[in-house]
Amino acid sequence: MKKTLQRVFGQGIFYTGWKNAIFSFLLAVGVYFTSQIYYALNHGPAVINLHTALDSAIPVVPIFVIPYDSLQPYIYATLILFLLFRSKYFQSACLAMITVWFISYAFYYFLQSEVIRPVLTGTDTFSKMVMNVYAGDNAYNDFPSLHTSLSTILAIHWVKVNRPLGIVLSIWTALIVASTLLVKQHYIADMIFGLALAFAAALLYTRMLIRKTES
């Protein structure tokens, strides 16, 4: 039984030493408190608005609120699984997310952006869900898109942990990224820079933490 548990959880937090466990715990705390800074910055006045004609051509597709709303469960589930089964991937993902958060916060503080949302009149369930998103999130903190960067960081790590599952989750991540535009929470520039941040941060920390330990 012990050997079975060690085989399953051998790269997780319970079998990689107390120093690794403490580091992982500190990162978990760091992820939580870093995420909370978002709300303190989510206000005007806005300095920039990156709307383009192409953004105007993108329709509102209310059903995409489902992948949009899935970000937090996606983050929690991924980090818990990484913590239990692949602690180095947990650490890499956490560091990448924290880095992206602080870079994004610098933009929100010094170069605040806003998105002009449409007035929705639909009475269907998905339209109401989009309205709830608008009601719970001010129209600021837009450039870069954290929905894009955070979900992409998770997908990149999943592909490295388990390629078949990672591909499936990458498809879902693509829906999350698309949802930022299709529920009119972000502009194209927000999404593009969010993707750039995610790939840069994920590449940095997987090289630092994962390639070194697996080589």
N, C-alpha and C. Protein backbone atom coordinates (compact mmCIF):
# COMPACT_ATOMS: atom_id res chain seq x y z
N MET A 1 0.83 -1.21 0.00
CA MET A 1 0.00 0.00 0.00
C MET A 1 0.86 1.26 0.00
N LYS A 2 1.90 1.25 0.83
CA LYS A 2 2.78 2.40 0.92
C LYS A 2 3.48 2.66 -0.41
N LYS A 3 3.93 1.57 -1.06
CA LYS A 3 4.60 1.72 -2.35
C LYS A 3 3.64 2.23 -3.42
N THR A 4 2.39 1.79 -3.33
CA THR A 4 1.38 2.25 -4.29
C THR A 4 1.14 3.74 -4.13
N LEU A 5 0.98 4.19 -2.88
CA LEU A 5 0.78 5.61 -2.61
C LEU A 5 1.97 6.44 -3.08
N GLN A 6 3.16 5.89 -2.83
CA GLN A 6 4.36 6.63 -3.23
C GLN A 6 4.48 6.71 -4.74
N ARG A 7 4.05 5.65 -5.43
CA ARG A 7 4.09 5.67 -6.88
C ARG A 7 3.12 6.70 -7.45
N VAL A 8 1.95 6.81 -6.83
CA VAL A 8 0.92 7.73 -7.31
C VAL A 8 1.24 9.17 -6.92
N PHE A 9 1.61 9.36 -5.64
CA PHE A 9 1.82 10.72 -5.11
C PHE A 9 3.30 11.09 -4.99
N GLY A 10 4.17 10.29 -5.58
CA GLY A 10 5.61 10.44 -5.36
C GLY A 10 6.17 11.80 -5.73
N GLN A 11 5.57 12.47 -6.69
CA GLN A 11 6.05 13.79 -7.08
C GLN A 11 5.21 14.91 -6.49
N GLY A 12 4.30 14.53 -5.59
CA GLY A 12 3.43 15.51 -4.96
C GLY A 12 4.01 16.04 -3.67
N ILE A 13 3.26 16.87 -3.01
CA ILE A 13 3.75 17.58 -1.83
C ILE A 13 4.10 16.66 -0.67
N PHE A 14 3.46 15.48 -0.57
CA PHE A 14 3.67 14.62 0.59
C PHE A 14 4.93 13.77 0.50
N TYR A 15 5.56 13.70 -0.66
CA TYR A 15 6.71 12.82 -0.82
C TYR A 15 7.95 13.54 -1.35
N THR A 16 7.97 14.85 -1.28
CA THR A 16 9.11 15.59 -1.84
C THR A 16 9.84 16.44 -0.79
N GLY A 17 9.62 16.13 0.46
CA GLY A 17 10.39 16.79 1.50
C GLY A 17 9.70 18.01 2.09
N TRP A 18 10.07 18.32 3.33
CA TRP A 18 9.40 19.41 4.04
C TRP A 18 9.75 20.78 3.48
N LYS A 19 10.97 20.94 2.95
CA LYS A 19 11.33 22.23 2.36
C LYS A 19 10.47 22.52 1.14
N ASN A 20 10.28 21.49 0.34
CA ASN A 20 9.42 21.64 -0.85
C ASN A 20 7.98 21.94 -0.43
N ALA A 21 7.54 21.29 0.66
CA ALA A 21 6.18 21.51 1.15
C ALA A 21 5.99 22.94 1.64
N ILE A 22 6.96 23.45 2.37
CA ILE A 22 6.88 24.83 2.88
C ILE A 22 6.87 25.82 1.72
N PHE A 23 7.74 25.60 0.74
CA PHE A 23 7.79 26.48 -0.42
C PHE A 23 6.45 26.48 -1.16
N SER A 24 5.86 25.29 -1.30
CA SER A 24 4.57 25.18 -1.97
C SER A 24 3.48 25.89 -1.18
N PHE A 25 3.51 25.74 0.14
CA PHE A 25 2.52 26.41 0.98
C PHE A 25 2.63 27.93 0.85
N LEU A 26 3.86 28.43 0.88
CA LEU A 26 4.06 29.88 0.74
C LEU A 26 3.56 30.38 -0.62
N LEU A 27 3.77 29.59 -1.64
CA LEU A 27 3.29 29.98 -2.97
C LEU A 27 1.77 29.98 -3.02
N ALA A 28 1.14 29.01 -2.36
CA ALA A 28 -0.32 28.98 -2.33
C ALA A 28 -0.87 30.22 -1.64
N VAL A 29 -0.25 30.61 -0.54
CA VAL A 29 -0.65 31.84 0.15
C VAL A 29 -0.42 33.04 -0.76
N GLY A 30 0.72 33.03 -1.44
CA GLY A 30 1.05 34.13 -2.34
C GLY A 30 0.05 34.27 -3.47
N VAL A 31 -0.38 33.15 -4.04
CA VAL A 31 -1.39 33.17 -5.11
C VAL A 31 -2.68 33.79 -4.61
N TYR A 32 -3.11 33.38 -3.42
CA TYR A 32 -4.38 33.91 -2.90
C TYR A 32 -4.31 35.42 -2.69
N PHE A 33 -3.30 35.87 -1.98
CA PHE A 33 -3.25 37.30 -1.64
C PHE A 33 -2.93 38.16 -2.87
N THR A 34 -2.14 37.63 -3.78
CA THR A 34 -1.88 38.37 -5.01
C THR A 34 -3.16 38.55 -5.81
N SER A 35 -3.98 37.52 -5.86
CA SER A 35 -5.24 37.61 -6.62
C SER A 35 -6.17 38.66 -6.05
N GLN A 36 -6.09 38.91 -4.75
CA GLN A 36 -7.00 39.86 -4.11
C GLN A 36 -6.67 41.32 -4.44
N ILE A 37 -5.46 41.58 -4.89
CA ILE A 37 -5.08 42.95 -5.24
C ILE A 37 -5.92 43.46 -6.40
N TYR A 38 -6.38 42.55 -7.23
CA TYR A 38 -7.18 42.91 -8.40
C TYR A 38 -8.31 43.87 -8.04
N TYR A 39 -9.01 43.57 -6.96
CA TYR A 39 -10.21 44.33 -6.60
C TYR A 39 -9.87 45.75 -6.17
N ALA A 40 -8.72 45.93 -5.55
CA ALA A 40 -8.32 47.27 -5.11
C ALA A 40 -7.99 48.17 -6.30
N LEU A 41 -7.61 47.58 -7.42
CA LEU A 41 -7.22 48.36 -8.59
C LEU A 41 -8.36 48.52 -9.60
N ASN A 42 -9.44 47.82 -9.39
CA ASN A 42 -10.50 47.76 -10.40
C ASN A 42 -11.43 48.98 -10.33
N HIS A 43 -10.85 50.14 -10.69
CA HIS A 43 -11.62 51.39 -10.68
C HIS A 43 -10.95 52.38 -11.64
N GLY A 44 -11.67 53.43 -11.98
CA GLY A 44 -11.13 54.46 -12.86
C GLY A 44 -10.33 55.48 -12.06
N PRO A 45 -9.89 56.53 -12.74
CA PRO A 45 -10.18 56.81 -14.15
C PRO A 45 -9.28 56.01 -15.09
N ALA A 46 -9.81 55.73 -16.27
CA ALA A 46 -9.04 55.02 -17.29
C ALA A 46 -8.15 55.99 -18.04
N VAL A 47 -6.97 55.51 -18.39
CA VAL A 47 -6.02 56.31 -19.15
C VAL A 47 -6.08 55.94 -20.63
N ILE A 48 -6.33 54.67 -20.92
CA ILE A 48 -6.36 54.22 -22.31
C ILE A 48 -7.63 53.42 -22.59
N ASN A 49 -8.00 53.39 -23.86
CA ASN A 49 -9.07 52.54 -24.35
C ASN A 49 -8.59 51.98 -25.67
N LEU A 50 -8.44 50.67 -25.77
CA LEU A 50 -7.80 50.02 -26.91
C LEU A 50 -8.80 49.45 -27.91
N HIS A 51 -10.00 50.01 -27.91
CA HIS A 51 -11.03 49.56 -28.84
C HIS A 51 -10.64 49.82 -30.28
N THR A 52 -10.93 48.86 -31.16
CA THR A 52 -10.68 49.00 -32.60
C THR A 52 -11.95 48.66 -33.36
N ALA A 53 -11.93 48.93 -34.65
CA ALA A 53 -13.07 48.60 -35.50
C ALA A 53 -13.31 47.09 -35.52
N LEU A 54 -12.23 46.32 -35.44
CA LEU A 54 -12.37 44.87 -35.42
C LEU A 54 -13.09 44.40 -34.16
N ASP A 55 -12.82 45.07 -33.03
CA ASP A 55 -13.55 44.74 -31.81
C ASP A 55 -15.05 44.97 -31.98
N SER A 56 -15.41 46.04 -32.68
CA SER A 56 -16.82 46.33 -32.91
C SER A 56 -17.49 45.26 -33.74
N ALA A 57 -16.71 44.61 -34.62
CA ALA A 57 -17.27 43.59 -35.51
C ALA A 57 -17.51 42.26 -34.79
N ILE A 58 -16.94 42.10 -33.61
CA ILE A 58 -17.13 40.85 -32.85
C ILE A 58 -18.46 40.91 -32.13
N PRO A 59 -19.34 39.92 -32.35
CA PRO A 59 -20.66 39.95 -31.72
C PRO A 59 -20.60 39.49 -30.27
N VAL A 60 -21.64 39.81 -29.53
CA VAL A 60 -21.82 39.23 -28.20
C VAL A 60 -22.42 37.84 -28.38
N VAL A 61 -21.79 36.84 -27.79
CA VAL A 61 -22.30 35.47 -27.83
C VAL A 61 -22.47 35.02 -26.39
N PRO A 62 -23.66 35.22 -25.82
CA PRO A 62 -23.84 35.03 -24.38
C PRO A 62 -23.47 33.65 -23.85
N ILE A 63 -23.59 32.60 -24.67
CA ILE A 63 -23.29 31.26 -24.17
C ILE A 63 -21.82 31.13 -23.76
N PHE A 64 -20.96 32.01 -24.30
CA PHE A 64 -19.55 31.96 -23.94
C PHE A 64 -19.28 32.42 -22.51
N VAL A 65 -20.32 32.85 -21.82
CA VAL A 65 -20.16 33.16 -20.40
C VAL A 65 -19.82 31.91 -19.60
N ILE A 66 -20.18 30.74 -20.13
CA ILE A 66 -19.87 29.49 -19.42
C ILE A 66 -18.37 29.28 -19.31
N PRO A 67 -17.62 29.27 -20.43
CA PRO A 67 -16.16 29.17 -20.23
C PRO A 67 -15.58 30.37 -19.50
N TYR A 68 -16.14 31.56 -19.68
CA TYR A 68 -15.63 32.73 -18.98
C TYR A 68 -15.74 32.53 -17.46
N ASP A 69 -16.87 32.03 -17.01
CA ASP A 69 -17.07 31.83 -15.57
C ASP A 69 -16.30 30.63 -15.02
N SER A 70 -15.75 29.82 -15.89
CA SER A 70 -15.07 28.60 -15.43
C SER A 70 -13.64 28.84 -14.97
N LEU A 71 -13.13 30.06 -15.11
CA LEU A 71 -11.71 30.29 -14.82
C LEU A 71 -11.34 29.93 -13.39
N GLN A 72 -12.08 30.42 -12.42
CA GLN A 72 -11.70 30.15 -11.03
C GLN A 72 -11.73 28.66 -10.68
N PRO A 73 -12.79 27.91 -11.03
CA PRO A 73 -12.73 26.46 -10.79
C PRO A 73 -11.57 25.79 -11.50
N TYR A 74 -11.27 26.25 -12.70
CA TYR A 74 -10.14 25.72 -13.47
C TYR A 74 -8.83 25.94 -12.73
N ILE A 75 -8.65 27.13 -12.19
CA ILE A 75 -7.43 27.43 -11.43
C ILE A 75 -7.35 26.57 -10.18
N TYR A 76 -8.43 26.55 -9.39
CA TYR A 76 -8.41 25.80 -8.13
C TYR A 76 -8.16 24.31 -8.36
N ALA A 77 -8.89 23.72 -9.31
CA ALA A 77 -8.75 22.29 -9.57
C ALA A 77 -7.34 21.95 -10.05
N THR A 78 -6.82 22.76 -10.95
CA THR A 78 -5.47 22.52 -11.48
C THR A 78 -4.42 22.61 -10.38
N LEU A 79 -4.47 23.66 -9.59
CA LEU A 79 -3.44 23.83 -8.57
C LEU A 79 -3.51 22.74 -7.51
N ILE A 80 -4.69 22.33 -7.14
CA ILE A 80 -4.83 21.24 -6.15
C ILE A 80 -4.24 19.95 -6.70
N LEU A 81 -4.57 19.62 -7.96
CA LEU A 81 -4.05 18.39 -8.56
C LEU A 81 -2.53 18.45 -8.72
N PHE A 82 -2.03 19.59 -9.16
CA PHE A 82 -0.57 19.72 -9.27
C PHE A 82 0.10 19.59 -7.90
N LEU A 83 -0.49 20.20 -6.89
CA LEU A 83 0.07 20.14 -5.55
C LEU A 83 0.17 18.70 -5.05
N LEU A 84 -0.87 17.92 -5.32
CA LEU A 84 -0.92 16.53 -4.84
C LEU A 84 -0.05 15.59 -5.65
N PHE A 85 0.05 15.83 -6.96
CA PHE A 85 0.70 14.85 -7.83
C PHE A 85 1.98 15.35 -8.51
N ARG A 86 2.12 16.66 -8.69
CA ARG A 86 3.28 17.22 -9.40
C ARG A 86 3.65 18.56 -8.77
N SER A 87 4.31 18.52 -7.63
CA SER A 87 4.53 19.75 -6.88
C SER A 87 5.40 20.77 -7.62
N LYS A 88 6.34 20.29 -8.45
CA LYS A 88 7.17 21.24 -9.21
C LYS A 88 6.33 21.99 -10.25
N TYR A 89 5.37 21.32 -10.82
CA TYR A 89 4.47 21.99 -11.76
C TYR A 89 3.58 22.99 -11.01
N PHE A 90 3.18 22.62 -9.80
CA PHE A 90 2.43 23.55 -8.96
C PHE A 90 3.24 24.82 -8.72
N GLN A 91 4.50 24.66 -8.35
CA GLN A 91 5.35 25.81 -8.06
C GLN A 91 5.58 26.66 -9.31
N SER A 92 5.83 25.99 -10.42
CA SER A 92 6.06 26.72 -11.67
C SER A 92 4.81 27.51 -12.07
N ALA A 93 3.65 26.86 -12.00
CA ALA A 93 2.40 27.54 -12.37
C ALA A 93 2.13 28.72 -11.44
N CYS A 94 2.33 28.52 -10.14
CA CYS A 94 2.09 29.60 -9.18
C CYS A 94 3.00 30.79 -9.45
N LEU A 95 4.28 30.53 -9.65
CA LEU A 95 5.23 31.63 -9.90
C LEU A 95 4.89 32.36 -11.20
N ALA A 96 4.50 31.62 -12.22
CA ALA A 96 4.12 32.25 -13.48
C ALA A 96 2.89 33.12 -13.31
N MET A 97 1.90 32.61 -12.56
CA MET A 97 0.68 33.37 -12.33
C MET A 97 0.95 34.63 -11.51
N ILE A 98 1.74 34.50 -10.46
CA ILE A 98 2.05 35.65 -9.62
C ILE A 98 2.79 36.72 -10.44
N THR A 99 3.73 36.28 -11.27
CA THR A 99 4.47 37.22 -12.12
C THR A 99 3.53 37.96 -13.06
N VAL A 100 2.64 37.22 -13.70
CA VAL A 100 1.68 37.82 -14.63
C VAL A 100 0.75 38.78 -13.90
N TRP A 101 0.31 38.39 -12.72
CA TRP A 101 -0.54 39.29 -11.93
C TRP A 101 0.16 40.62 -11.68
N PHE A 102 1.38 40.58 -11.21
CA PHE A 102 2.06 41.84 -10.85
C PHE A 102 2.38 42.69 -12.08
N ILE A 103 2.72 42.06 -13.18
CA ILE A 103 2.93 42.84 -14.41
C ILE A 103 1.61 43.50 -14.83
N SER A 104 0.53 42.73 -14.75
CA SER A 104 -0.78 43.27 -15.10
C SER A 104 -1.18 44.39 -14.15
N TYR A 105 -0.91 44.20 -12.87
CA TYR A 105 -1.26 45.23 -11.89
C TYR A 105 -0.52 46.53 -12.15
N ALA A 106 0.72 46.41 -12.63
CA ALA A 106 1.47 47.64 -12.96
C ALA A 106 0.75 48.42 -14.06
N PHE A 107 0.22 47.71 -15.04
CA PHE A 107 -0.55 48.38 -16.08
C PHE A 107 -1.83 48.98 -15.50
N TYR A 108 -2.52 48.22 -14.65
CA TYR A 108 -3.79 48.71 -14.09
C TYR A 108 -3.58 49.96 -13.23
N TYR A 109 -2.42 50.02 -12.59
CA TYR A 109 -2.15 51.16 -11.70
C TYR A 109 -1.66 52.38 -12.48
N PHE A 110 -0.73 52.16 -13.40
CA PHE A 110 -0.11 53.30 -14.09
C PHE A 110 -0.77 53.63 -15.43
N LEU A 111 -1.43 52.65 -16.04
CA LEU A 111 -1.99 52.85 -17.38
C LEU A 111 -3.35 52.16 -17.44
N GLN A 112 -4.23 52.58 -16.55
CA GLN A 112 -5.53 51.92 -16.41
C GLN A 112 -6.30 51.96 -17.73
N SER A 113 -6.98 50.85 -18.00
CA SER A 113 -7.74 50.71 -19.24
C SER A 113 -9.19 50.39 -18.91
N GLU A 114 -10.05 50.58 -19.91
CA GLU A 114 -11.46 50.25 -19.73
C GLU A 114 -12.02 49.66 -21.01
N VAL A 115 -13.12 48.93 -20.86
CA VAL A 115 -13.83 48.39 -22.00
C VAL A 115 -15.26 48.94 -21.96
N ILE A 116 -15.76 49.30 -23.12
CA ILE A 116 -17.13 49.80 -23.20
C ILE A 116 -18.04 48.60 -23.47
N ARG A 117 -18.85 48.29 -22.53
CA ARG A 117 -19.72 47.11 -22.65
C ARG A 117 -21.03 47.45 -23.34
N PRO A 118 -21.61 46.49 -24.04
CA PRO A 118 -22.91 46.73 -24.66
C PRO A 118 -24.02 46.68 -23.62
N VAL A 119 -25.14 47.25 -23.96
CA VAL A 119 -26.34 47.14 -23.12
C VAL A 119 -27.09 45.90 -23.57
N LEU A 120 -27.19 44.92 -22.71
CA LEU A 120 -27.87 43.67 -23.07
C LEU A 120 -29.34 43.74 -22.67
N THR A 121 -30.17 43.28 -23.56
CA THR A 121 -31.61 43.31 -23.30
C THR A 121 -32.23 41.92 -23.30
N GLY A 122 -31.42 40.91 -23.57
CA GLY A 122 -31.94 39.54 -23.61
C GLY A 122 -32.40 39.08 -22.24
N THR A 123 -33.38 38.19 -22.26
CA THR A 123 -33.92 37.65 -21.01
C THR A 123 -33.58 36.17 -20.84
N ASP A 124 -32.79 35.62 -21.75
CA ASP A 124 -32.39 34.22 -21.64
C ASP A 124 -31.36 34.04 -20.53
N THR A 125 -31.14 32.81 -20.14
CA THR A 125 -30.26 32.50 -19.01
C THR A 125 -28.84 33.00 -19.24
N PHE A 126 -28.31 32.80 -20.43
CA PHE A 126 -26.92 33.17 -20.69
C PHE A 126 -26.74 34.70 -20.70
N SER A 127 -27.71 35.41 -21.23
CA SER A 127 -27.63 36.88 -21.20
C SER A 127 -27.65 37.38 -19.77
N LYS A 128 -28.49 36.76 -18.94
CA LYS A 128 -28.54 37.16 -17.53
C LYS A 128 -27.21 36.86 -16.83
N MET A 129 -26.58 35.76 -17.22
CA MET A 129 -25.28 35.43 -16.63
C MET A 129 -24.23 36.46 -17.03
N VAL A 130 -24.28 36.91 -18.28
CA VAL A 130 -23.34 37.96 -18.71
C VAL A 130 -23.59 39.24 -17.92
N MET A 131 -24.86 39.59 -17.72
CA MET A 131 -25.19 40.77 -16.93
C MET A 131 -24.64 40.65 -15.51
N ASN A 132 -24.69 39.44 -14.97
CA ASN A 132 -24.14 39.23 -13.62
C ASN A 132 -22.62 39.42 -13.61
N VAL A 133 -21.96 39.01 -14.69
CA VAL A 133 -20.52 39.25 -14.81
C VAL A 133 -20.24 40.75 -14.79
N TYR A 134 -21.02 41.50 -15.58
CA TYR A 134 -20.84 42.96 -15.62
C TYR A 134 -21.08 43.58 -14.24
N ALA A 135 -22.11 43.09 -13.55
CA ALA A 135 -22.46 43.66 -12.24
C ALA A 135 -21.39 43.38 -11.20
N GLY A 136 -20.68 42.27 -11.34
CA GLY A 136 -19.70 41.89 -10.34
C GLY A 136 -18.28 42.30 -10.64
N ASP A 137 -18.06 42.93 -11.80
CA ASP A 137 -16.70 43.28 -12.22
C ASP A 137 -16.75 44.63 -12.93
N ASN A 138 -16.09 45.62 -12.37
CA ASN A 138 -16.07 46.93 -13.02
C ASN A 138 -15.41 46.85 -14.40
N ALA A 139 -15.68 47.83 -15.22
CA ALA A 139 -15.22 47.80 -16.62
C ALA A 139 -13.78 48.30 -16.76
N TYR A 140 -12.93 47.99 -15.79
CA TYR A 140 -11.53 48.40 -15.81
C TYR A 140 -10.64 47.17 -15.70
N ASN A 141 -9.34 47.36 -15.47
CA ASN A 141 -8.39 46.25 -15.38
C ASN A 141 -8.45 45.38 -16.63
N ASP A 142 -8.43 46.01 -17.78
CA ASP A 142 -8.64 45.26 -19.02
C ASP A 142 -7.37 44.88 -19.76
N PHE A 143 -6.38 45.76 -19.78
CA PHE A 143 -5.15 45.48 -20.51
C PHE A 143 -4.00 45.26 -19.54
N PRO A 144 -3.43 44.03 -19.53
CA PRO A 144 -3.76 42.84 -20.33
C PRO A 144 -4.86 42.01 -19.68
N SER A 145 -5.37 41.04 -20.43
CA SER A 145 -6.44 40.17 -19.95
C SER A 145 -5.90 39.08 -19.04
N LEU A 146 -6.30 39.11 -17.77
CA LEU A 146 -5.88 38.07 -16.84
C LEU A 146 -6.59 36.75 -17.11
N HIS A 147 -7.83 36.80 -17.57
CA HIS A 147 -8.50 35.55 -17.96
C HIS A 147 -7.67 34.82 -19.01
N THR A 148 -7.14 35.57 -19.95
CA THR A 148 -6.32 34.97 -21.01
C THR A 148 -5.01 34.43 -20.46
N SER A 149 -4.28 35.25 -19.73
CA SER A 149 -2.95 34.85 -19.28
C SER A 149 -3.00 33.71 -18.26
N LEU A 150 -3.89 33.78 -17.29
CA LEU A 150 -3.93 32.75 -16.26
C LEU A 150 -4.36 31.40 -16.82
N SER A 151 -5.39 31.40 -17.64
CA SER A 151 -5.86 30.13 -18.21
C SER A 151 -4.81 29.53 -19.14
N THR A 152 -4.10 30.37 -19.88
CA THR A 152 -3.08 29.87 -20.80
C THR A 152 -1.90 29.27 -20.04
N ILE A 153 -1.51 29.88 -18.94
CA ILE A 153 -0.45 29.32 -18.10
C ILE A 153 -0.82 27.91 -17.65
N LEU A 154 -2.06 27.72 -17.23
CA LEU A 154 -2.50 26.40 -16.78
C LEU A 154 -2.44 25.40 -17.93
N ALA A 155 -2.92 25.80 -19.10
CA ALA A 155 -2.92 24.89 -20.25
C ALA A 155 -1.51 24.46 -20.63
N ILE A 156 -0.58 25.41 -20.63
CA ILE A 156 0.81 25.09 -20.98
C ILE A 156 1.37 24.05 -20.01
N HIS A 157 1.09 24.21 -18.73
CA HIS A 157 1.58 23.24 -17.75
C HIS A 157 0.89 21.89 -17.90
N TRP A 158 -0.39 21.89 -18.19
CA TRP A 158 -1.09 20.62 -18.38
C TRP A 158 -0.52 19.84 -19.56
N VAL A 159 -0.18 20.52 -20.64
CA VAL A 159 0.40 19.84 -21.80
C VAL A 159 1.71 19.16 -21.42
N LYS A 160 2.47 19.77 -20.53
CA LYS A 160 3.73 19.18 -20.09
C LYS A 160 3.51 18.01 -19.13
N VAL A 161 2.45 18.08 -18.33
CA VAL A 161 2.17 17.00 -17.37
C VAL A 161 1.60 15.78 -18.06
N ASN A 162 0.60 16.01 -18.92
CA ASN A 162 -0.09 14.91 -19.61
C ASN A 162 -0.58 15.45 -20.95
N ARG A 163 0.10 15.05 -22.02
CA ARG A 163 -0.18 15.67 -23.32
C ARG A 163 -1.63 15.47 -23.79
N PRO A 164 -2.18 14.24 -23.76
CA PRO A 164 -3.57 14.08 -24.23
C PRO A 164 -4.56 14.93 -23.42
N LEU A 165 -4.46 14.89 -22.10
CA LEU A 165 -5.33 15.71 -21.27
C LEU A 165 -5.04 17.19 -21.49
N GLY A 166 -3.76 17.51 -21.66
CA GLY A 166 -3.39 18.90 -21.89
C GLY A 166 -3.99 19.46 -23.17
N ILE A 167 -4.09 18.63 -24.19
CA ILE A 167 -4.69 19.08 -25.44
C ILE A 167 -6.17 19.38 -25.24
N VAL A 168 -6.85 18.50 -24.51
CA VAL A 168 -8.28 18.72 -24.22
C VAL A 168 -8.46 20.02 -23.44
N LEU A 169 -7.64 20.21 -22.41
CA LEU A 169 -7.75 21.42 -21.60
C LEU A 169 -7.30 22.66 -22.36
N SER A 170 -6.41 22.48 -23.32
CA SER A 170 -6.02 23.62 -24.16
C SER A 170 -7.18 24.09 -25.03
N ILE A 171 -8.00 23.14 -25.46
CA ILE A 171 -9.21 23.50 -26.23
C ILE A 171 -10.16 24.30 -25.35
N TRP A 172 -10.32 23.84 -24.11
CA TRP A 172 -11.18 24.58 -23.18
C TRP A 172 -10.58 25.96 -22.89
N THR A 173 -9.27 26.02 -22.74
CA THR A 173 -8.60 27.30 -22.53
C THR A 173 -8.83 28.24 -23.70
N ALA A 174 -8.80 27.70 -24.91
CA ALA A 174 -9.07 28.53 -26.09
C ALA A 174 -10.48 29.12 -26.03
N LEU A 175 -11.42 28.36 -25.49
CA LEU A 175 -12.78 28.88 -25.32
C LEU A 175 -12.81 30.00 -24.27
N ILE A 176 -12.03 29.84 -23.21
CA ILE A 176 -11.95 30.89 -22.19
C ILE A 176 -11.37 32.16 -22.80
N VAL A 177 -10.30 32.00 -23.58
CA VAL A 177 -9.68 33.16 -24.22
C VAL A 177 -10.66 33.83 -25.17
N ALA A 178 -11.34 33.03 -25.98
CA ALA A 178 -12.34 33.59 -26.91
C ALA A 178 -13.47 34.28 -26.16
N SER A 179 -13.83 33.73 -25.01
CA SER A 179 -14.95 34.29 -24.25
C SER A 179 -14.67 35.72 -23.78
N THR A 180 -13.40 36.05 -23.57
CA THR A 180 -13.09 37.41 -23.13
C THR A 180 -13.55 38.44 -24.15
N LEU A 181 -13.53 38.05 -25.43
CA LEU A 181 -13.98 38.94 -26.50
C LEU A 181 -15.48 38.80 -26.74
N LEU A 182 -15.99 37.57 -26.64
CA LEU A 182 -17.37 37.29 -27.03
C LEU A 182 -18.40 37.64 -25.96
N VAL A 183 -17.93 37.93 -24.73
CA VAL A 183 -18.85 38.50 -23.73
C VAL A 183 -18.51 39.97 -23.47
N LYS A 184 -17.62 40.49 -24.31
CA LYS A 184 -17.26 41.91 -24.29
C LYS A 184 -16.66 42.37 -22.96
N GLN A 185 -15.78 41.52 -22.43
CA GLN A 185 -15.04 41.90 -21.23
C GLN A 185 -13.66 42.44 -21.57
N HIS A 186 -13.20 42.17 -22.79
CA HIS A 186 -11.87 42.61 -23.20
C HIS A 186 -11.86 42.95 -24.68
N TYR A 187 -10.80 43.65 -25.07
CA TYR A 187 -10.54 43.93 -26.47
C TYR A 187 -9.43 43.00 -26.99
N ILE A 188 -9.26 43.01 -28.29
CA ILE A 188 -8.28 42.11 -28.91
C ILE A 188 -6.87 42.37 -28.37
N ALA A 189 -6.51 43.63 -28.19
CA ALA A 189 -5.17 43.95 -27.66
C ALA A 189 -4.96 43.36 -26.28
N ASP A 190 -6.00 43.37 -25.45
CA ASP A 190 -5.91 42.79 -24.10
C ASP A 190 -5.59 41.30 -24.18
N MET A 191 -6.27 40.62 -25.10
CA MET A 191 -6.09 39.18 -25.26
C MET A 191 -4.69 38.86 -25.77
N ILE A 192 -4.24 39.60 -26.78
CA ILE A 192 -2.93 39.31 -27.39
C ILE A 192 -1.81 39.49 -26.37
N PHE A 193 -1.85 40.58 -25.62
CA PHE A 193 -0.78 40.80 -24.65
C PHE A 193 -0.88 39.80 -23.50
N GLY A 194 -2.09 39.40 -23.15
CA GLY A 194 -2.26 38.37 -22.13
C GLY A 194 -1.63 37.05 -22.56
N LEU A 195 -1.80 36.68 -23.83
CA LEU A 195 -1.16 35.47 -24.35
C LEU A 195 0.35 35.58 -24.31
N ALA A 196 0.88 36.73 -24.70
CA ALA A 196 2.34 36.93 -24.70
C ALA A 196 2.91 36.80 -23.29
N LEU A 197 2.24 37.40 -22.33
CA LEU A 197 2.69 37.29 -20.94
C LEU A 197 2.67 35.85 -20.46
N ALA A 198 1.61 35.13 -20.79
CA ALA A 198 1.47 33.74 -20.33
C ALA A 198 2.59 32.86 -20.87
N PHE A 199 2.86 32.96 -22.16
CA PHE A 199 3.91 32.12 -22.75
C PHE A 199 5.28 32.49 -22.20
N ALA A 200 5.54 33.77 -22.02
CA ALA A 200 6.84 34.19 -21.50
C ALA A 200 7.05 33.70 -20.07
N ALA A 201 6.04 33.88 -19.22
CA ALA A 201 6.17 33.48 -17.82
C ALA A 201 6.25 31.97 -17.68
N ALA A 202 5.41 31.25 -18.42
CA ALA A 202 5.42 29.78 -18.34
C ALA A 202 6.75 29.22 -18.82
N LEU A 203 7.28 29.78 -19.90
CA LEU A 203 8.58 29.32 -20.40
C LEU A 203 9.68 29.56 -19.38
N LEU A 204 9.66 30.73 -18.76
CA LEU A 204 10.69 31.07 -17.77
C LEU A 204 10.70 30.08 -16.61
N TYR A 205 9.54 29.84 -16.00
CA TYR A 205 9.51 29.04 -14.78
C TYR A 205 9.56 27.54 -15.03
N THR A 206 9.06 27.08 -16.16
CA THR A 206 9.23 25.65 -16.45
C THR A 206 10.70 25.34 -16.71
N ARG A 207 11.41 26.27 -17.32
CA ARG A 207 12.84 26.06 -17.51
C ARG A 207 13.59 26.08 -16.19
N MET A 208 13.19 26.98 -15.29
CA MET A 208 13.88 27.11 -14.01
C MET A 208 13.61 25.94 -13.08
N LEU A 209 12.36 25.49 -13.01
CA LEU A 209 11.97 24.53 -11.99
C LEU A 209 11.79 23.11 -12.50
N ILE A 210 11.31 22.96 -13.72
CA ILE A 210 10.93 21.62 -14.18
C ILE A 210 12.02 20.99 -15.02
N ARG A 211 12.54 21.65 -16.01
CA ARG A 211 13.58 21.07 -16.84
C ARG A 211 14.82 20.75 -16.02
N LYS A 212 15.12 21.61 -15.04
CA LYS A 212 16.29 21.39 -14.20
C LYS A 212 16.13 20.11 -13.37
N THR A 213 14.93 19.92 -12.79
CA THR A 213 14.73 18.76 -11.92
C THR A 213 14.51 17.48 -12.70
N GLU A 214 14.04 17.58 -13.97
CA GLU A 214 13.75 16.37 -14.74
C GLU A 214 14.89 15.97 -15.66
N SER A 215 15.92 16.82 -15.72
CA SER A 215 17.07 16.49 -16.58
C SER A 215 18.02 15.52 -15.88
